[in-house]
Protein backbone atom coordinates (compact mmCIF):
# COMPACT_ATOMS: atom_id res chain seq x y z
CA MET A 1 58.02 150.28 82.17
CA ASN A 2 57.25 153.86 83.16
CA HIS A 3 55.28 156.43 81.20
CA GLU A 4 58.43 158.24 80.05
CA TYR A 5 59.81 155.09 78.47
CA TRP A 6 56.59 154.39 76.58
CA HIS A 7 56.59 158.00 75.36
CA SER A 8 60.13 157.50 74.02
CA GLU A 9 59.26 154.09 72.61
CA GLN A 10 56.37 155.60 70.65
CA LEU A 11 58.61 158.28 69.16
CA VAL A 12 61.29 155.78 68.12
CA ASP A 13 58.60 153.53 66.60
CA LEU A 14 57.34 156.47 64.55
CA LEU A 15 60.88 157.29 63.39
CA HIS A 16 61.27 153.70 62.19
CA GLU A 17 57.87 153.86 60.51
CA THR A 18 58.77 157.11 58.75
CA PHE A 19 62.36 156.41 57.71
CA GLY A 20 62.44 152.60 57.76
CA PHE A 21 63.58 150.11 60.38
CA HIS A 22 67.17 148.98 59.99
CA PRO A 23 68.04 146.19 62.47
CA GLY A 24 71.25 146.94 64.33
CA TRP A 25 71.25 150.61 63.29
CA ARG A 26 70.35 153.79 65.16
CA ALA A 27 66.90 155.24 64.55
CA VAL A 28 68.52 158.35 63.03
CA HIS A 29 72.10 159.18 62.00
CA GLY A 30 72.73 155.53 61.28
CA LEU A 31 75.77 155.96 59.03
CA GLY A 32 78.67 156.93 61.25
CA ARG A 33 82.36 156.44 61.91
CA MET A 34 84.44 156.95 65.05
CA TYR A 35 87.61 158.98 65.54
CA ALA A 36 89.96 159.30 68.52
CA GLY A 37 91.73 162.33 69.93
CA THR A 38 92.17 164.60 72.94
CA PHE A 39 90.43 167.63 74.40
CA THR A 40 92.27 170.33 76.34
CA ALA A 41 90.42 173.15 78.10
CA THR A 42 91.64 176.73 77.94
CA PRO A 43 92.53 178.67 81.12
CA GLU A 44 89.27 180.61 80.67
CA ALA A 45 87.13 177.47 81.01
CA LYS A 46 87.54 177.17 84.79
CA HIS A 47 86.08 180.67 85.20
CA TYR A 48 82.75 179.23 84.04
CA THR A 49 82.76 175.63 85.28
CA ARG A 50 84.45 173.37 87.80
CA ALA A 51 83.86 170.33 85.56
CA VAL A 52 86.91 168.08 85.70
CA HIS A 53 87.48 168.03 81.93
CA MET A 54 87.48 171.84 81.87
CA GLN A 55 90.50 172.35 84.17
CA GLY A 56 93.25 172.20 81.53
CA ASP A 57 94.52 168.61 81.60
CA PRO A 58 94.34 166.70 78.29
CA ILE A 59 91.27 164.42 78.23
CA PRO A 60 90.87 161.46 75.83
CA VAL A 61 87.86 161.79 73.53
CA THR A 62 86.12 160.00 70.72
CA ALA A 63 83.98 161.74 68.10
CA ARG A 64 81.34 159.97 66.01
CA PHE A 65 80.48 161.78 62.78
CA SER A 66 77.23 160.65 61.21
CA TYR A 67 74.23 161.20 58.99
CA SER A 68 71.63 159.23 57.11
CA PHE A 69 70.41 155.65 57.04
CA PRO A 70 72.06 152.57 55.52
CA ASP A 71 69.73 152.26 52.50
CA MET A 72 69.36 155.97 51.68
CA PRO A 73 72.26 157.10 49.48
CA ASN A 74 72.83 160.82 48.95
CA ARG A 75 71.53 161.63 52.40
CA PRO A 76 74.53 163.87 53.22
CA ALA A 77 72.95 166.36 50.85
CA GLU A 78 69.54 166.39 52.54
CA ALA A 79 70.09 165.42 56.19
CA GLN A 80 71.81 167.07 59.09
CA SER A 81 75.32 165.88 59.83
CA ALA A 82 76.15 165.25 63.47
CA MET A 83 79.16 164.92 65.75
CA ALA A 84 78.76 163.07 69.04
CA THR A 85 81.72 163.56 71.36
CA LYS A 86 82.51 161.39 74.38
CA PHE A 87 84.92 162.70 77.03
CA TYR A 88 86.67 159.99 79.09
CA LEU A 89 87.06 161.54 82.55
CA PRO A 90 89.89 160.75 85.00
CA ASN A 91 87.49 159.07 87.45
CA GLY A 92 86.47 156.46 84.86
CA GLN A 93 83.17 158.12 84.02
CA VAL A 94 82.18 159.76 80.73
CA THR A 95 80.26 162.83 79.65
CA ASP A 96 78.80 163.45 76.20
CA LEU A 97 78.04 166.25 73.75
CA ILE A 98 75.79 165.67 70.74
CA ALA A 99 75.99 168.37 68.08
CA LEU A 100 74.31 169.03 64.73
CA SER A 101 75.60 170.82 61.67
CA HIS A 102 72.58 173.13 61.92
CA SER A 103 72.26 175.69 64.70
CA LEU A 104 68.66 175.00 65.72
CA PHE A 105 66.14 172.19 66.12
CA PRO A 106 62.70 173.01 64.70
CA PHE A 107 60.65 171.73 67.65
CA ARG A 108 60.15 172.93 71.21
CA THR A 109 58.82 169.76 72.84
CA PRO A 110 58.87 165.99 72.26
CA GLU A 111 55.11 166.17 71.84
CA GLU A 112 55.55 168.40 68.80
CA VAL A 113 57.91 165.85 67.23
CA LEU A 114 55.43 163.05 67.90
CA ASP A 115 52.54 165.08 66.53
CA LEU A 116 54.37 165.90 63.29
CA LEU A 117 55.44 162.29 62.76
CA MET A 118 51.81 161.23 63.18
CA HIS A 119 50.77 163.79 60.53
CA ILE A 120 53.23 162.65 57.86
CA ARG A 121 50.99 159.85 56.57
CA ASP A 122 47.33 159.81 55.62
CA PRO A 123 45.66 157.54 58.22
CA ALA A 124 43.30 156.15 55.59
CA THR A 125 45.90 155.17 52.98
CA GLY A 126 49.14 154.99 54.97
CA GLU A 127 50.85 157.05 52.27
CA ARG A 128 52.87 160.20 52.90
CA ASP A 129 50.76 163.32 52.56
CA PRO A 130 52.67 166.60 52.09
CA ALA A 131 49.46 168.59 52.57
CA ARG A 132 49.09 167.25 56.11
CA VAL A 133 52.69 168.23 56.90
CA GLN A 134 52.16 171.72 55.49
CA ALA A 135 49.00 172.10 57.59
CA TRP A 136 50.91 171.05 60.69
CA PHE A 137 53.63 173.65 60.13
CA ALA A 138 50.97 176.30 59.46
CA ASP A 139 49.80 175.77 63.03
CA HIS A 140 53.36 175.96 64.45
CA PRO A 141 54.96 179.27 63.42
CA ALA A 142 57.98 178.83 65.74
CA SER A 143 58.86 175.62 63.90
CA VAL A 144 58.45 177.40 60.57
CA ARG A 145 60.90 180.14 61.62
CA ALA A 146 63.45 177.61 62.84
CA GLN A 147 63.06 175.49 59.71
CA GLN A 148 63.65 178.53 57.51
CA ILE A 149 66.94 179.20 59.34
CA ILE A 150 67.94 175.54 59.04
CA GLN A 151 67.18 175.43 55.32
CA SER A 152 69.27 178.56 54.78
CA GLU A 153 72.35 176.76 56.16
CA PRO A 154 73.95 174.75 53.29
CA PRO A 155 75.57 171.34 53.93
CA PRO A 156 79.24 171.19 54.97
CA ALA A 157 81.89 170.56 52.33
CA SER A 158 83.95 168.62 54.89
CA PHE A 159 83.48 167.32 58.43
CA ALA A 160 86.81 169.01 59.19
CA GLN A 161 85.40 172.37 58.05
CA ALA A 162 81.92 172.16 59.57
CA GLU A 163 80.57 173.96 62.58
CA PHE A 164 78.65 171.71 64.97
CA HIS A 165 76.09 172.94 67.48
CA PRO A 166 74.90 171.00 70.55
CA ILE A 167 71.70 173.18 70.30
CA HIS A 168 70.64 172.86 73.96
CA VAL A 169 71.32 175.29 76.80
CA PHE A 170 73.34 174.13 79.83
CA ARG A 171 74.00 175.73 83.21
CA PHE A 172 77.69 176.11 84.00
CA VAL A 173 78.79 176.39 87.63
CA ASN A 174 82.33 177.30 88.74
CA ALA A 175 84.21 176.57 91.96
CA ALA A 176 82.79 179.74 93.56
CA GLU A 177 79.22 178.51 92.86
CA GLU A 178 78.74 181.24 90.25
CA ALA A 179 76.38 180.05 87.51
CA ARG A 180 75.82 181.07 83.90
CA TYR A 181 73.62 179.64 81.16
CA ALA A 182 75.27 179.09 77.77
CA ARG A 183 75.16 177.20 74.50
CA TYR A 184 78.10 175.22 73.13
CA HIS A 185 79.46 175.46 69.57
CA TRP A 186 82.29 173.53 67.88
CA ILE A 187 84.25 175.78 65.48
CA PRO A 188 86.66 174.11 62.99
CA GLU A 189 90.21 175.45 62.99
CA ALA A 190 90.43 174.84 59.23
CA GLY A 191 87.61 177.31 58.65
CA HIS A 192 83.92 176.81 57.90
CA THR A 193 83.14 175.88 54.29
CA THR A 194 79.93 174.68 52.68
CA THR A 195 78.89 173.13 49.39
CA THR A 196 75.70 172.37 47.52
CA ALA A 197 73.37 169.43 47.91
CA GLU A 198 73.93 168.47 44.29
CA GLU A 199 77.71 168.35 44.67
CA LEU A 200 77.43 166.07 47.70
CA ARG A 201 75.07 163.76 45.83
CA GLN A 202 77.61 163.42 43.02
CA ARG A 203 80.41 162.58 45.46
CA GLY A 204 78.54 159.72 47.15
CA GLU A 205 77.56 158.82 50.68
CA ALA A 206 81.06 157.90 51.90
CA TYR A 207 82.72 161.09 50.69
CA LEU A 208 82.62 163.09 53.94
CA PHE A 209 84.18 160.20 55.89
CA GLU A 210 86.83 159.51 53.25
CA GLU A 211 87.72 163.20 52.96
CA LEU A 212 88.14 163.44 56.74
CA GLU A 213 90.31 160.32 56.87
CA ASP A 214 92.49 161.64 54.07
CA ARG A 215 93.07 164.79 56.14
CA LEU A 216 93.89 162.71 59.22
CA ARG A 217 96.58 160.83 57.30
CA ARG A 218 98.25 164.20 56.78
CA GLY A 219 97.76 165.57 60.30
CA PRO A 220 95.29 166.24 63.13
CA VAL A 221 91.88 167.84 62.62
CA ALA A 222 91.01 170.36 65.33
CA TYR A 223 87.99 172.28 66.65
CA SER A 224 87.60 175.01 69.22
CA LEU A 225 84.81 174.57 71.76
CA VAL A 226 83.15 177.89 72.52
CA LEU A 227 80.36 179.05 74.80
CA GLN A 228 77.73 181.53 73.70
CA LEU A 229 76.75 183.19 76.97
CA ALA A 230 73.10 183.89 77.70
CA GLU A 231 71.80 187.29 78.73
CA GLU A 232 68.70 188.13 80.73
CA GLY A 233 65.60 187.09 78.80
CA ASP A 234 67.28 184.61 76.45
CA PRO A 235 65.19 181.41 76.34
CA THR A 236 66.90 178.41 77.96
CA ASP A 237 64.19 175.84 77.20
CA ASP A 238 63.59 176.23 73.46
CA THR A 239 65.85 174.61 70.84
CA SER A 240 63.94 176.39 68.06
CA ALA A 241 64.70 179.90 69.33
CA PRO A 242 67.95 181.61 68.21
CA TRP A 243 69.72 184.07 70.48
CA PRO A 244 70.86 187.51 69.27
CA ASP A 245 74.12 187.47 67.31
CA ASP A 246 75.80 189.88 69.73
CA ARG A 247 75.94 187.40 72.63
CA GLU A 248 79.45 187.04 74.11
CA ILE A 249 81.51 184.12 72.83
CA VAL A 250 84.22 182.53 75.01
CA THR A 251 86.62 179.79 73.87
CA ILE A 252 86.81 177.09 76.54
CA GLY A 253 88.74 174.29 74.84
CA ARG A 254 90.31 172.63 71.84
CA MET A 255 89.68 169.12 70.49
CA GLU A 256 92.26 167.49 68.25
CA LEU A 257 91.30 164.32 66.38
CA THR A 258 94.18 162.17 65.19
CA ARG A 259 92.94 158.85 63.76
CA PRO A 260 89.95 156.59 63.08
CA THR A 261 88.89 154.14 65.75
CA THR A 262 86.13 151.58 66.24
CA ASN A 263 83.64 150.53 68.88
CA GLU A 264 85.57 147.27 69.21
CA GLU A 265 88.84 149.07 69.92
CA ILE A 266 87.13 151.33 72.44
CA GLY A 267 85.49 148.32 74.08
CA ASP A 268 81.98 149.78 73.91
CA PRO A 269 79.92 147.91 71.27
CA VAL A 270 76.74 149.88 71.99
CA MET A 271 78.31 153.38 72.22
CA LEU A 272 75.34 155.29 73.61
CA HIS A 273 75.76 159.07 73.52
CA ASP A 274 73.54 160.90 76.00
CA PRO A 275 73.57 164.72 76.25
CA THR A 276 71.97 164.55 79.70
CA ARG A 277 74.98 162.59 81.01
CA VAL A 278 76.69 165.64 82.46
CA THR A 279 79.26 165.93 85.24
CA ASP A 280 79.64 168.16 88.30
CA GLY A 281 79.95 171.79 87.20
CA ILE A 282 77.65 171.41 84.18
CA GLU A 283 73.89 171.01 84.58
CA THR A 284 71.04 170.40 82.17
CA SER A 285 68.52 173.15 81.58
CA ASP A 286 64.74 172.80 81.70
CA ASP A 287 64.60 172.21 77.95
CA PRO A 288 61.95 169.47 77.43
CA ILE A 289 63.64 168.17 74.26
CA LEU A 290 66.91 167.74 76.17
CA GLN A 291 65.20 166.01 79.08
CA ALA A 292 63.50 163.55 76.72
CA ARG A 293 66.64 162.52 74.87
CA ARG A 294 67.90 159.98 77.42
CA GLY A 295 64.72 157.90 77.15
CA ILE A 296 64.69 158.22 73.36
CA TYR A 297 68.28 157.01 73.03
CA GLU A 298 67.72 154.17 75.49
CA ALA A 299 64.69 153.07 73.47
CA SER A 300 66.74 153.28 70.27
CA VAL A 301 69.49 151.17 71.85
CA ALA A 302 66.91 148.56 72.82
CA HIS A 303 65.68 148.44 69.21
CA ARG A 304 69.12 148.07 67.63
CA THR A 305 70.40 145.52 70.14
CA GLY A 306 67.35 143.25 70.29
CA GLY A 307 65.35 144.98 73.01
CA TRP A 308 65.42 144.77 76.78
CA LYS A 309 64.31 141.13 76.65
CA GLY A 310 67.01 140.54 74.06
CA HIS A 311 69.58 141.94 76.46
CA GLU A 312 68.37 139.58 79.18
CA ALA A 313 68.49 136.60 76.81
CA VAL A 314 72.06 137.44 75.78
CA LEU A 315 73.15 137.66 79.42
CA GLU A 316 71.46 134.36 80.27
CA ARG A 317 73.05 132.65 77.25
CA GLU A 318 76.52 133.97 78.15
CA ALA A 319 76.09 132.83 81.76
CA ALA A 320 75.06 129.35 80.56
CA GLN A 321 78.10 129.19 78.28
CA ARG A 322 80.38 130.12 81.17
CA ARG A 323 78.79 127.46 83.39
CA ALA A 324 79.19 124.85 80.66
CA ALA A 325 82.84 125.81 80.11
CA SER A 326 83.46 125.65 83.86
CA ASP A 327 81.83 122.23 84.08
CA GLN A 328 84.01 120.92 81.21
CA ALA A 329 87.15 122.27 82.84
CA SER A 330 86.38 120.71 86.24
CA PRO A 331 87.79 117.19 86.90
CA PRO A 332 85.23 114.40 87.35
CA PRO A 333 84.46 113.47 90.95
CA ALA A 334 86.54 110.60 92.35
CA GLU A 335 84.80 107.24 92.54
CA SER A 336 84.06 106.04 96.03
């Protein structure tokens, strides 16, 4: 395996070490449910990108809302919620957006994430050491500023009334080859409402899913997809750096979710979401966190599905079963 994979493998191992290893579950945002719907771009979208799903035709989508880990109740109150959206393109391919309920990510590079995870525990005792974490943040003022903004953003009262932010910068290219950097944001049509951590703890870990599904029984849940357009000097490679509030906002589409769905119904038992899986007309930026995410998610998939060798063993076992079934179905050779 290449160096990049081992780098990702180390980070996923540290996530498991820090938060616990849960076989069959994602390394983070393990508790999740899937919902089906459609996305329709606005007429303005094609001014910024020639991407096929931004030309105005309805596009099937699925959205996975998530947070937490399977043995950590009350995590909606402490952890970021997420919405991973998969667009099913007319040519049979897919493109993904992964968004958080907070507007920033408190690290600039994968190395910073690794370094912090290695500072969480005392190497002598193996126990968590808050003083080591505080010392790490003292040496990383950009992370401190981003964390302060994140902590000032209270948890959502409802998935249907939460803003979600894909956090990274992308380069949008239209049919005339005109390019513009921008950040995505999902804005709920029902309005943005928040609650307190204590109230979410009292309602239980399934509340946000159940509340969303109750809404869906009464009608669709919709979000506008907007672009926040970069200006000269705005950083395009730093997920911890906010842009000025006066940056132009353009609505480029509307997603309408209509019902729950499952991986089995979709026919994709692994359901890997990859923000670097873009399509023509949308390009990744030079953000090192964004560039690292494909390897991290592939490593996480390997962990929750039995590893690369596990994949090979499953394929070999299935091939042997097919050969055995074929042999049983074949008539015996005629005696000479």
